[in-house]
Amino acid sequence: MAVGAILRYAVTASVSGIDLQVVGLILMIVGAIGAILSVIWMFSASRRNTTVTTTDRRDAYNRDVYS
């Protein structure tokens, strides 16, 4: 998104056949969509139920001894 913002607002040069401001706008839109999708993916991954099982006998022994 930062590169898109730089191209959109800070670059005043012109290239024949390419509008750098439009390219900057496209990069900002794609970056925003990517950020939104990654946040959605992060929250959906954190809501999944995970089960952790311990098969270490020492842990069970330590709980019995110190309880």
Protein backbone atom coordinates (compact mmCIF):
# COMPACT_ATOMS: atom_id res chain seq x y z
CA MET A 1 0.00 0.00 0.00
CA ALA A 2 2.88 2.35 0.71
CA VAL A 3 4.29 2.00 -2.79
CA GLY A 4 0.85 2.69 -4.20
CA ALA A 5 0.46 5.81 -2.09
CA ILE A 6 3.87 7.06 -3.17
CA LEU A 7 3.02 6.52 -6.83
CA ARG A 8 -0.41 8.09 -6.40
CA TYR A 9 0.49 11.20 -4.42
CA ALA A 10 4.23 11.84 -4.52
CA VAL A 11 5.47 10.97 -8.00
CA THR A 12 5.02 13.72 -10.55
CA ALA A 13 6.96 12.08 -13.37
CA SER A 14 5.14 10.82 -16.43
CA VAL A 15 5.79 7.69 -18.42
CA SER A 16 4.39 7.29 -21.90
CA GLY A 17 1.64 4.67 -22.02
CA ILE A 18 1.39 4.26 -18.24
CA ASP A 19 -0.47 6.49 -15.81
CA LEU A 20 1.53 6.16 -12.58
CA GLN A 21 -1.28 7.62 -10.50
CA VAL A 22 -3.69 4.93 -11.69
CA VAL A 23 -1.07 2.24 -11.00
CA GLY A 24 -0.64 3.69 -7.51
CA LEU A 25 -4.39 3.62 -6.92
CA ILE A 26 -4.59 -0.01 -8.06
CA LEU A 27 -1.72 -0.97 -5.74
CA MET A 28 -3.41 0.74 -2.79
CA ILE A 29 -6.71 -1.05 -3.47
CA VAL A 30 -5.02 -4.44 -3.82
CA GLY A 31 -3.03 -3.81 -0.63
CA ALA A 32 -6.16 -2.87 1.31
CA ILE A 33 -7.98 -5.99 0.09
CA GLY A 34 -4.99 -8.12 1.08
CA ALA A 35 -4.89 -6.57 4.54
CA ILE A 36 -8.61 -7.13 5.08
CA LEU A 37 -8.41 -10.75 3.91
CA SER A 38 -5.43 -11.46 6.19
CA VAL A 39 -7.27 -10.04 9.21
CA ILE A 40 -10.33 -12.15 8.40
CA TRP A 41 -8.13 -15.24 8.00
CA MET A 42 -6.34 -14.52 11.28
CA PHE A 43 -9.59 -14.22 13.24
CA SER A 44 -11.10 -17.31 11.66
CA ALA A 45 -7.96 -19.32 12.42
CA SER A 46 -7.97 -18.21 16.07
CA ARG A 47 -11.58 -19.38 16.55
CA ARG A 48 -10.87 -22.96 15.51
CA ASN A 49 -10.99 -25.40 18.38
CA THR A 50 -7.73 -27.13 19.09
CA THR A 51 -7.22 -29.94 21.53
CA VAL A 52 -3.89 -30.53 23.22
CA THR A 53 -3.29 -33.89 24.82
CA THR A 54 -0.36 -34.65 27.05
CA THR A 55 1.12 -38.13 27.21
CA ASP A 56 3.99 -37.20 29.48
CA ARG A 57 3.76 -39.34 32.64
CA ARG A 58 6.06 -37.02 34.59
CA ASP A 59 3.51 -34.22 34.35
CA ALA A 60 0.79 -36.41 35.87
CA TYR A 61 3.18 -37.56 38.62
CA ASN A 62 4.16 -33.98 39.51
CA ARG A 63 0.52 -32.94 39.76
CA ASP A 64 -0.25 -35.83 42.12
CA VAL A 65 2.76 -35.24 44.33
CA TYR A 66 2.36 -31.47 44.74
CA SER A 67 -1.45 -31.33 44.94
